[in-house]
Amino acid sequence: MATTEQLPNSVMIFGCGYVGRALAEYLLGAGVRVGALTRNETKAESLESLGVDEVIVAELDDTAWHAQVKKSY
């Protein structure tokens, strides 16, 4: 894996299934601010409890979620 010096300050993850959640856990552990887009309300709650800064529940192909992103990534 990359060292902390090589990681960005923030990352938005599109799709937080098994791999996306594992990525979020790793990045959060490295001090990276993480945002996430998921289709599943239950997963959204789990991501919020994990410490993900901004969680949006929406379909990726529906552009309406673009306006819901409050921070820059």
N, C-alpha and C. Protein backbone atom coordinates (compact mmCIF):
# COMPACT_ATOMS: atom_id res chain seq x y z
N MET A 1 0.83 -1.19 0.00
CA MET A 1 0.00 0.00 0.00
C MET A 1 0.87 1.25 0.00
N ALA A 2 0.25 2.34 -0.34
CA ALA A 2 0.94 3.62 -0.39
C ALA A 2 1.25 4.12 1.02
N THR A 3 2.27 4.91 1.12
CA THR A 3 2.54 5.54 2.41
C THR A 3 1.64 6.75 2.56
N THR A 4 1.49 7.24 3.78
CA THR A 4 0.62 8.38 4.04
C THR A 4 1.02 9.59 3.21
N GLU A 5 2.31 9.77 2.97
CA GLU A 5 2.77 10.92 2.19
C GLU A 5 2.24 10.87 0.75
N GLN A 6 1.91 9.71 0.27
CA GLN A 6 1.44 9.56 -1.11
C GLN A 6 -0.08 9.61 -1.24
N LEU A 7 -0.78 9.64 -0.13
CA LEU A 7 -2.24 9.63 -0.18
C LEU A 7 -2.79 11.05 -0.31
N PRO A 8 -3.92 11.20 -0.99
CA PRO A 8 -4.54 12.52 -1.09
C PRO A 8 -5.17 12.93 0.25
N ASN A 9 -5.55 14.18 0.37
CA ASN A 9 -6.21 14.67 1.59
C ASN A 9 -7.63 14.14 1.71
N SER A 10 -8.28 13.92 0.56
CA SER A 10 -9.66 13.45 0.59
C SER A 10 -9.95 12.60 -0.64
N VAL A 11 -10.94 11.71 -0.48
CA VAL A 11 -11.33 10.79 -1.56
C VAL A 11 -12.84 10.59 -1.51
N MET A 12 -13.49 10.61 -2.67
CA MET A 12 -14.90 10.25 -2.79
C MET A 12 -14.95 8.87 -3.42
N ILE A 13 -15.61 7.92 -2.75
CA ILE A 13 -15.72 6.56 -3.24
C ILE A 13 -17.11 6.36 -3.85
N PHE A 14 -17.14 5.93 -5.09
CA PHE A 14 -18.40 5.70 -5.79
C PHE A 14 -18.69 4.21 -5.76
N GLY A 15 -19.59 3.81 -4.88
CA GLY A 15 -19.93 2.41 -4.72
C GLY A 15 -19.19 1.84 -3.53
N CYS A 16 -19.89 1.63 -2.45
CA CYS A 16 -19.24 1.16 -1.23
C CYS A 16 -19.76 -0.21 -0.83
N GLY A 17 -19.50 -1.17 -1.68
CA GLY A 17 -19.76 -2.56 -1.33
C GLY A 17 -18.57 -3.08 -0.54
N TYR A 18 -18.21 -4.32 -0.72
CA TYR A 18 -17.13 -4.93 0.03
C TYR A 18 -15.80 -4.21 -0.19
N VAL A 19 -15.44 -3.98 -1.44
CA VAL A 19 -14.16 -3.35 -1.75
C VAL A 19 -14.17 -1.88 -1.35
N GLY A 20 -15.25 -1.18 -1.66
CA GLY A 20 -15.34 0.24 -1.31
C GLY A 20 -15.27 0.48 0.19
N ARG A 21 -15.91 -0.38 0.96
CA ARG A 21 -15.86 -0.24 2.42
C ARG A 21 -14.44 -0.50 2.94
N ALA A 22 -13.79 -1.53 2.40
CA ALA A 22 -12.42 -1.82 2.81
C ALA A 22 -11.50 -0.65 2.49
N LEU A 23 -11.70 -0.04 1.33
CA LEU A 23 -10.92 1.14 0.95
C LEU A 23 -11.19 2.29 1.91
N ALA A 24 -12.46 2.50 2.24
CA ALA A 24 -12.83 3.57 3.19
C ALA A 24 -12.15 3.35 4.54
N GLU A 25 -12.17 2.12 5.03
CA GLU A 25 -11.53 1.82 6.32
C GLU A 25 -10.04 2.12 6.27
N TYR A 26 -9.38 1.71 5.20
CA TYR A 26 -7.95 1.96 5.06
C TYR A 26 -7.66 3.46 5.03
N LEU A 27 -8.40 4.18 4.19
CA LEU A 27 -8.15 5.61 4.05
C LEU A 27 -8.44 6.37 5.34
N LEU A 28 -9.53 6.02 6.00
CA LEU A 28 -9.84 6.67 7.27
C LEU A 28 -8.74 6.41 8.30
N GLY A 29 -8.23 5.19 8.33
CA GLY A 29 -7.15 4.84 9.23
C GLY A 29 -5.87 5.62 8.95
N ALA A 30 -5.71 6.05 7.70
CA ALA A 30 -4.54 6.83 7.30
C ALA A 30 -4.77 8.33 7.44
N GLY A 31 -5.96 8.71 7.94
CA GLY A 31 -6.24 10.12 8.15
C GLY A 31 -6.79 10.86 6.95
N VAL A 32 -7.24 10.14 5.94
CA VAL A 32 -7.81 10.76 4.75
C VAL A 32 -9.31 11.03 4.98
N ARG A 33 -9.78 12.21 4.58
CA ARG A 33 -11.22 12.50 4.66
C ARG A 33 -11.91 11.75 3.53
N VAL A 34 -12.96 11.00 3.86
CA VAL A 34 -13.62 10.13 2.89
C VAL A 34 -15.09 10.50 2.74
N GLY A 35 -15.54 10.57 1.49
CA GLY A 35 -16.95 10.69 1.16
C GLY A 35 -17.35 9.45 0.38
N ALA A 36 -18.64 9.14 0.35
CA ALA A 36 -19.07 7.92 -0.33
C ALA A 36 -20.44 8.08 -0.95
N LEU A 37 -20.63 7.39 -2.06
CA LEU A 37 -21.92 7.29 -2.73
C LEU A 37 -22.31 5.82 -2.70
N THR A 38 -23.51 5.54 -2.21
CA THR A 38 -24.02 4.17 -2.16
C THR A 38 -25.49 4.17 -2.52
N ARG A 39 -25.98 3.04 -2.99
CA ARG A 39 -27.40 2.91 -3.30
C ARG A 39 -28.20 2.39 -2.12
N ASN A 40 -27.52 1.91 -1.10
CA ASN A 40 -28.15 1.17 -0.02
C ASN A 40 -28.18 1.99 1.27
N GLU A 41 -29.36 2.25 1.80
CA GLU A 41 -29.53 3.05 3.02
C GLU A 41 -28.86 2.39 4.23
N THR A 42 -28.95 1.08 4.32
CA THR A 42 -28.32 0.36 5.43
C THR A 42 -26.80 0.51 5.37
N LYS A 43 -26.23 0.38 4.18
CA LYS A 43 -24.79 0.57 4.02
C LYS A 43 -24.40 2.01 4.33
N ALA A 44 -25.27 2.95 3.98
CA ALA A 44 -25.00 4.36 4.27
C ALA A 44 -24.86 4.58 5.77
N GLU A 45 -25.77 4.01 6.54
CA GLU A 45 -25.70 4.14 8.00
C GLU A 45 -24.43 3.52 8.54
N SER A 46 -24.04 2.38 8.00
CA SER A 46 -22.82 1.70 8.42
C SER A 46 -21.59 2.54 8.09
N LEU A 47 -21.58 3.16 6.93
CA LEU A 47 -20.46 4.01 6.52
C LEU A 47 -20.36 5.24 7.42
N GLU A 48 -21.50 5.81 7.77
CA GLU A 48 -21.50 6.97 8.67
C GLU A 48 -20.94 6.59 10.03
N SER A 49 -21.32 5.42 10.54
CA SER A 49 -20.82 4.98 11.84
C SER A 49 -19.33 4.64 11.78
N LEU A 50 -18.84 4.31 10.60
CA LEU A 50 -17.42 4.04 10.40
C LEU A 50 -16.61 5.33 10.46
N GLY A 51 -17.26 6.45 10.18
CA GLY A 51 -16.57 7.74 10.21
C GLY A 51 -16.45 8.42 8.86
N VAL A 52 -17.14 7.88 7.85
CA VAL A 52 -17.12 8.52 6.53
C VAL A 52 -17.77 9.89 6.68
N ASP A 53 -17.10 10.90 6.17
CA ASP A 53 -17.48 12.30 6.37
C ASP A 53 -18.80 12.66 5.71
N GLU A 54 -19.00 12.20 4.51
CA GLU A 54 -20.20 12.56 3.74
C GLU A 54 -20.68 11.32 3.00
N VAL A 55 -21.91 10.90 3.27
CA VAL A 55 -22.47 9.72 2.62
C VAL A 55 -23.73 10.13 1.87
N ILE A 56 -23.77 9.82 0.61
CA ILE A 56 -24.92 10.14 -0.24
C ILE A 56 -25.55 8.84 -0.71
N VAL A 57 -26.86 8.74 -0.55
CA VAL A 57 -27.60 7.57 -1.02
C VAL A 57 -28.27 7.96 -2.34
N ALA A 58 -27.82 7.33 -3.43
CA ALA A 58 -28.35 7.65 -4.75
C ALA A 58 -27.83 6.64 -5.77
N GLU A 59 -28.40 6.67 -6.94
CA GLU A 59 -27.93 5.88 -8.07
C GLU A 59 -26.85 6.68 -8.79
N LEU A 60 -25.76 6.04 -9.14
CA LEU A 60 -24.65 6.72 -9.80
C LEU A 60 -25.07 7.37 -11.11
N ASP A 61 -25.93 6.70 -11.87
CA ASP A 61 -26.31 7.25 -13.18
C ASP A 61 -27.37 8.34 -13.11
N ASP A 62 -27.87 8.64 -11.91
CA ASP A 62 -28.82 9.74 -11.72
C ASP A 62 -28.02 10.97 -11.30
N THR A 63 -27.98 11.98 -12.14
CA THR A 63 -27.13 13.13 -11.86
C THR A 63 -27.65 14.03 -10.74
N ALA A 64 -28.80 13.75 -10.19
CA ALA A 64 -29.35 14.58 -9.11
C ALA A 64 -28.45 14.59 -7.88
N TRP A 65 -27.67 13.53 -7.66
CA TRP A 65 -26.81 13.47 -6.48
C TRP A 65 -25.68 14.48 -6.55
N HIS A 66 -25.35 14.97 -7.75
CA HIS A 66 -24.26 15.94 -7.88
C HIS A 66 -24.46 17.14 -6.96
N ALA A 67 -25.69 17.61 -6.85
CA ALA A 67 -26.00 18.78 -6.02
C ALA A 67 -25.93 18.46 -4.53
N GLN A 68 -25.94 17.18 -4.18
CA GLN A 68 -25.89 16.79 -2.77
C GLN A 68 -24.46 16.78 -2.20
N VAL A 69 -23.46 16.80 -3.06
CA VAL A 69 -22.08 16.81 -2.59
C VAL A 69 -21.77 18.18 -2.04
N LYS A 70 -21.48 18.24 -0.74
CA LYS A 70 -21.27 19.53 -0.08
C LYS A 70 -19.81 19.94 -0.01
N LYS A 71 -18.91 18.99 -0.07
CA LYS A 71 -17.48 19.29 0.05
C LYS A 71 -16.77 18.92 -1.24
N SER A 72 -15.52 19.34 -1.37
CA SER A 72 -14.76 18.96 -2.55
C SER A 72 -13.84 17.78 -2.21
N TYR A 73 -13.64 16.93 -3.19
CA TYR A 73 -12.81 15.74 -3.02
C TYR A 73 -11.80 15.67 -4.12
